[in-house]
């Protein structure tokens, strides 16, 4: 029996990719394709909701999934640690399962994990992320998640004050890590995590050239979500890495 998927945000780049992936997969079928004019009720009856919209819409979809005991994959950026904590509480006592994936690229997931590993050995850390000019949010959800993973890995270590806080050119500071965002034509998605040490610099870099790089992660997340309960965050947990 195939997994019935409702795609919310079906007219966007990621939504269109999801539609193509569902059509090509033998174990998936399209239940509904929703755009900004659609009602969420059209998704009722789906086994999994796949959502790629904007944060304010994503939060409403998450409430809808929790209220109806549904399975949901969130691919929208902007879900901070505080947002996720509230979301997790809303799932208590329900059959709903929500999977939040800041980035569906396996290479990006590994880059963030490698960065968390390196964070234990360096006190000077900054992130530079670049995306296409049409990306409306900054910093990216991937960069925010990477910074949070770095901070988690450094728990118990002395975290020095970040120099330059308050200087607008230093970007946003998330969990003690400055993030610099670039929105530029010709770019799809790129992230460099830079670690400064005594007479050395380590850079963990990842770049994608098209949304096709997200396909394997999207399929894995949909399949995982079909039997998930509670909150799952990140592609690493989906893949068991």
Protein backbone atom coordinates (compact mmCIF):
# COMPACT_ATOMS: atom_id res chain seq x y z
CA UNK A 1 0.00 0.00 0.00
CA UNK A 2 1.39 3.39 -0.97
CA UNK A 3 1.87 6.32 1.41
CA UNK A 4 -0.59 9.08 0.51
CA UNK A 5 1.13 12.48 0.62
CA UNK A 6 -0.39 15.97 0.65
CA UNK A 7 2.06 18.63 -0.52
CA UNK A 8 1.51 22.08 1.00
CA UNK A 9 3.34 24.77 -0.93
CA UNK A 10 3.08 22.76 -4.13
CA UNK A 11 3.77 25.66 -6.50
CA UNK A 12 7.18 26.58 -5.03
CA UNK A 13 10.57 25.18 -6.03
CA UNK A 14 10.64 22.58 -3.25
CA UNK A 15 6.95 21.77 -3.64
CA UNK A 16 7.36 21.06 -7.34
CA UNK A 17 10.35 18.86 -6.58
CA UNK A 18 8.29 16.91 -4.03
CA UNK A 19 5.53 16.38 -6.59
CA UNK A 20 8.03 14.95 -9.08
CA UNK A 21 9.56 12.68 -6.43
CA UNK A 22 6.16 11.38 -5.30
CA UNK A 23 5.14 10.66 -8.89
CA UNK A 24 8.33 8.68 -9.51
CA UNK A 25 8.27 6.70 -6.24
CA UNK A 26 6.47 3.36 -6.30
CA UNK A 27 5.60 3.47 -2.58
CA UNK A 28 4.18 7.03 -2.58
CA UNK A 29 1.07 8.59 -4.12
CA UNK A 30 -0.21 12.15 -4.27
CA UNK A 31 -3.26 12.79 -2.09
CA UNK A 32 -3.48 16.57 -2.68
CA UNK A 33 -1.39 19.48 -3.93
CA UNK A 34 -2.15 22.65 -1.94
CA UNK A 35 -1.19 26.22 -2.79
CA UNK A 36 -1.87 29.57 -1.09
CA UNK A 37 -5.53 29.47 -2.18
CA UNK A 38 -6.19 25.99 -0.79
CA UNK A 39 -7.83 25.05 2.49
CA UNK A 40 -5.88 22.83 4.88
CA UNK A 41 -8.94 20.60 5.14
CA UNK A 42 -8.06 19.33 1.64
CA UNK A 43 -5.11 17.51 3.26
CA UNK A 44 -7.34 15.43 5.54
CA UNK A 45 -7.04 11.76 4.70
CA UNK A 46 -3.39 11.94 3.75
CA UNK A 47 -0.91 9.65 5.48
CA UNK A 48 1.79 12.36 5.49
CA UNK A 49 1.73 16.12 4.98
CA UNK A 50 4.81 17.61 3.32
CA UNK A 51 5.04 21.35 3.97
CA UNK A 52 7.39 23.93 2.39
CA UNK A 53 5.97 27.45 2.75
CA UNK A 54 6.75 30.34 5.11
CA UNK A 55 7.19 30.20 8.88
CA UNK A 56 3.82 31.74 9.76
CA UNK A 57 2.05 29.29 7.43
CA UNK A 58 4.20 26.41 8.64
CA UNK A 59 3.16 27.07 12.23
CA UNK A 60 -0.51 26.90 11.26
CA UNK A 61 0.07 23.64 9.40
CA UNK A 62 1.82 22.22 12.49
CA UNK A 63 -1.19 23.17 14.67
CA UNK A 64 -3.49 21.53 12.13
CA UNK A 65 -1.43 18.32 12.11
CA UNK A 66 -1.29 18.17 15.91
CA UNK A 67 -5.03 18.79 16.25
CA UNK A 68 -5.85 16.04 13.76
CA UNK A 69 -3.23 13.50 14.86
CA UNK A 70 -1.48 13.63 11.49
CA UNK A 71 2.06 13.01 10.29
CA UNK A 72 3.91 16.05 8.97
CA UNK A 73 7.27 16.83 7.40
CA UNK A 74 8.27 20.49 7.77
CA UNK A 75 10.84 21.79 5.31
CA UNK A 76 10.28 25.48 6.05
CA UNK A 77 13.10 27.58 7.54
CA UNK A 78 12.81 29.61 10.71
CA UNK A 79 11.95 26.98 13.33
CA UNK A 80 14.23 28.05 16.19
CA UNK A 81 14.92 26.05 19.34
CA UNK A 82 12.20 28.04 21.16
CA UNK A 83 9.68 27.37 18.40
CA UNK A 84 10.52 23.67 18.48
CA UNK A 85 10.10 23.49 22.27
CA UNK A 86 6.57 24.90 21.96
CA UNK A 87 5.82 22.54 19.09
CA UNK A 88 6.98 19.51 21.06
CA UNK A 89 4.67 20.39 23.95
CA UNK A 90 1.72 20.65 21.57
CA UNK A 91 2.26 17.04 20.48
CA UNK A 92 2.05 15.56 23.98
CA UNK A 93 -0.78 13.04 24.25
CA UNK A 94 -1.47 12.98 20.50
CA UNK A 95 -0.80 10.45 17.76
CA UNK A 96 0.72 13.16 15.61
CA UNK A 97 4.28 12.90 14.38
CA UNK A 98 6.14 15.97 13.12
CA UNK A 99 9.54 15.83 11.43
CA UNK A 100 11.34 19.18 11.08
CA UNK A 101 14.18 19.13 8.56
CA UNK A 102 16.05 22.44 8.10
CA UNK A 103 17.90 21.01 5.09
CA UNK A 104 17.15 17.85 3.10
CA UNK A 105 20.67 17.60 1.67
CA UNK A 106 22.67 14.67 3.04
CA UNK A 107 25.89 16.60 2.45
CA UNK A 108 24.56 19.55 4.44
CA UNK A 109 23.51 17.25 7.28
CA UNK A 110 26.99 15.75 7.43
CA UNK A 111 28.56 19.23 7.28
CA UNK A 112 26.57 20.30 10.34
CA UNK A 113 27.51 17.12 12.23
CA UNK A 114 31.19 17.57 11.37
CA UNK A 115 30.93 21.18 12.56
CA UNK A 116 29.53 20.06 15.92
CA UNK A 117 32.45 17.64 16.24
CA UNK A 118 35.00 20.36 15.48
CA UNK A 119 33.34 22.86 17.83
CA UNK A 120 34.81 21.12 20.88
CA UNK A 121 38.32 22.04 19.79
CA UNK A 122 37.97 25.69 18.66
CA UNK A 123 36.84 28.82 20.53
CA UNK A 124 36.57 31.09 17.46
CA UNK A 125 33.71 30.04 15.18
CA UNK A 126 31.69 31.87 12.51
CA UNK A 127 29.26 30.81 9.78
CA UNK A 128 28.88 32.33 6.32
CA UNK A 129 25.83 31.15 4.38
CA UNK A 130 24.75 32.15 0.88
CA UNK A 131 21.48 31.45 -0.90
CA UNK A 132 19.65 32.50 -4.04
CA UNK A 133 18.34 36.06 -4.18
CA UNK A 134 14.74 34.89 -3.77
CA UNK A 135 15.19 33.35 -0.33
CA UNK A 136 13.16 35.60 1.97
CA UNK A 137 14.54 34.59 5.38
CA UNK A 138 17.96 35.05 6.93
CA UNK A 139 19.86 33.56 8.53
CA UNK A 140 18.97 30.25 6.95
CA UNK A 141 17.39 27.50 8.99
CA UNK A 142 20.41 25.33 8.26
CA UNK A 143 22.79 27.94 9.66
CA UNK A 144 20.66 28.42 12.77
CA UNK A 145 20.50 24.67 13.36
CA UNK A 146 24.27 24.35 12.82
CA UNK A 147 24.92 27.11 15.38
CA UNK A 148 22.63 25.40 17.88
CA UNK A 149 24.41 22.09 17.33
CA UNK A 150 27.77 23.81 17.86
CA UNK A 151 26.53 25.35 21.12
CA UNK A 152 25.19 21.99 22.29
CA UNK A 153 28.52 20.32 21.52
CA UNK A 154 30.34 23.00 23.54
CA UNK A 155 28.26 22.61 26.69
CA UNK A 156 30.56 22.48 29.69
CA UNK A 157 33.35 24.29 27.86
CA UNK A 158 34.31 27.91 28.45
CA UNK A 159 32.51 29.94 25.79
CA UNK A 160 34.25 33.30 25.38
CA UNK A 161 32.29 36.41 24.48
CA UNK A 162 31.86 36.75 20.73
CA UNK A 163 33.81 39.83 19.56
CA UNK A 164 31.84 42.27 17.47
CA UNK A 165 28.39 41.70 18.95
CA UNK A 166 26.34 44.78 18.15
CA UNK A 167 28.28 45.49 14.97
CA UNK A 168 25.68 45.14 12.24
CA UNK A 169 28.22 43.90 9.69
CA UNK A 170 28.92 40.89 11.93
CA UNK A 171 25.49 39.49 11.13
CA UNK A 172 23.13 37.73 13.51
CA UNK A 173 24.46 35.89 16.56
CA UNK A 174 22.77 32.54 17.23
CA UNK A 175 23.75 30.51 20.31
CA UNK A 176 26.98 32.49 20.51
CA UNK A 177 27.94 31.94 16.86
CA UNK A 178 27.90 34.85 14.37
CA UNK A 179 26.09 34.04 11.12
CA UNK A 180 26.61 36.11 7.98
CA UNK A 181 23.93 35.79 5.30
CA UNK A 182 24.34 36.48 1.58
CA UNK A 183 21.43 36.54 -0.87
CA UNK A 184 22.88 36.56 -4.38
CA UNK A 185 21.83 35.76 -7.93
CA UNK A 186 23.64 32.73 -9.32
CA UNK A 187 23.79 30.96 -5.95
CA UNK A 188 21.60 28.02 -4.94
CA UNK A 189 22.80 27.25 -1.39
CA UNK A 190 26.21 27.33 0.26
CA UNK A 191 27.44 27.24 3.85
CA UNK A 192 30.95 27.65 5.26
CA UNK A 193 31.59 27.05 8.94
CA UNK A 194 34.96 28.55 9.89
CA UNK A 195 36.96 27.54 12.95
CA UNK A 196 39.93 29.65 14.00
CA UNK A 197 42.72 28.20 16.11
CA UNK A 198 46.36 28.90 16.91
CA UNK A 199 47.92 29.57 13.49
CA UNK A 200 45.27 27.55 11.64
CA UNK A 201 41.79 27.84 10.15
CA UNK A 202 39.48 24.90 9.49
CA UNK A 203 36.61 25.47 7.05
CA UNK A 204 33.79 22.96 6.64
CA UNK A 205 32.12 23.88 3.36
CA UNK A 206 29.06 22.57 1.57
CA UNK A 207 27.36 23.76 -1.60
CA UNK A 208 24.47 22.59 -3.76
CA UNK A 209 23.81 23.65 -7.33
CA UNK A 210 20.11 22.75 -7.60
CA UNK A 211 17.16 21.49 -5.57
CA UNK A 212 17.78 18.00 -6.96
CA UNK A 213 20.28 17.51 -4.13
CA UNK A 214 17.36 17.43 -1.68
CA UNK A 215 15.54 14.51 -3.29
CA UNK A 216 16.98 11.63 -1.27
CA UNK A 217 16.42 13.48 2.00
CA UNK A 218 12.83 14.39 1.12
CA UNK A 219 11.91 10.80 0.30
CA UNK A 220 13.57 9.47 3.45
CA UNK A 221 11.76 12.07 5.59
CA UNK A 222 8.33 11.28 4.14
CA UNK A 223 8.81 7.55 4.66
CA UNK A 224 10.10 8.07 8.20
CA UNK A 225 7.24 10.43 9.09
CA UNK A 226 4.59 7.91 8.04
CA UNK A 227 5.22 5.93 11.26
CA UNK A 228 6.73 8.63 13.49
CA UNK A 229 5.21 10.06 16.66
CA UNK A 230 6.24 13.12 18.63
CA UNK A 231 8.88 15.53 17.36
CA UNK A 232 11.92 14.63 15.27
CA UNK A 233 14.41 17.35 14.29
CA UNK A 234 16.99 17.03 11.56
CA UNK A 235 17.83 14.65 8.74
CA UNK A 236 20.43 12.90 10.91
CA UNK A 237 17.72 11.44 13.17
CA UNK A 238 15.63 10.49 10.13
CA UNK A 239 18.56 8.53 8.68
CA UNK A 240 19.76 7.24 12.05
CA UNK A 241 23.20 8.83 11.61
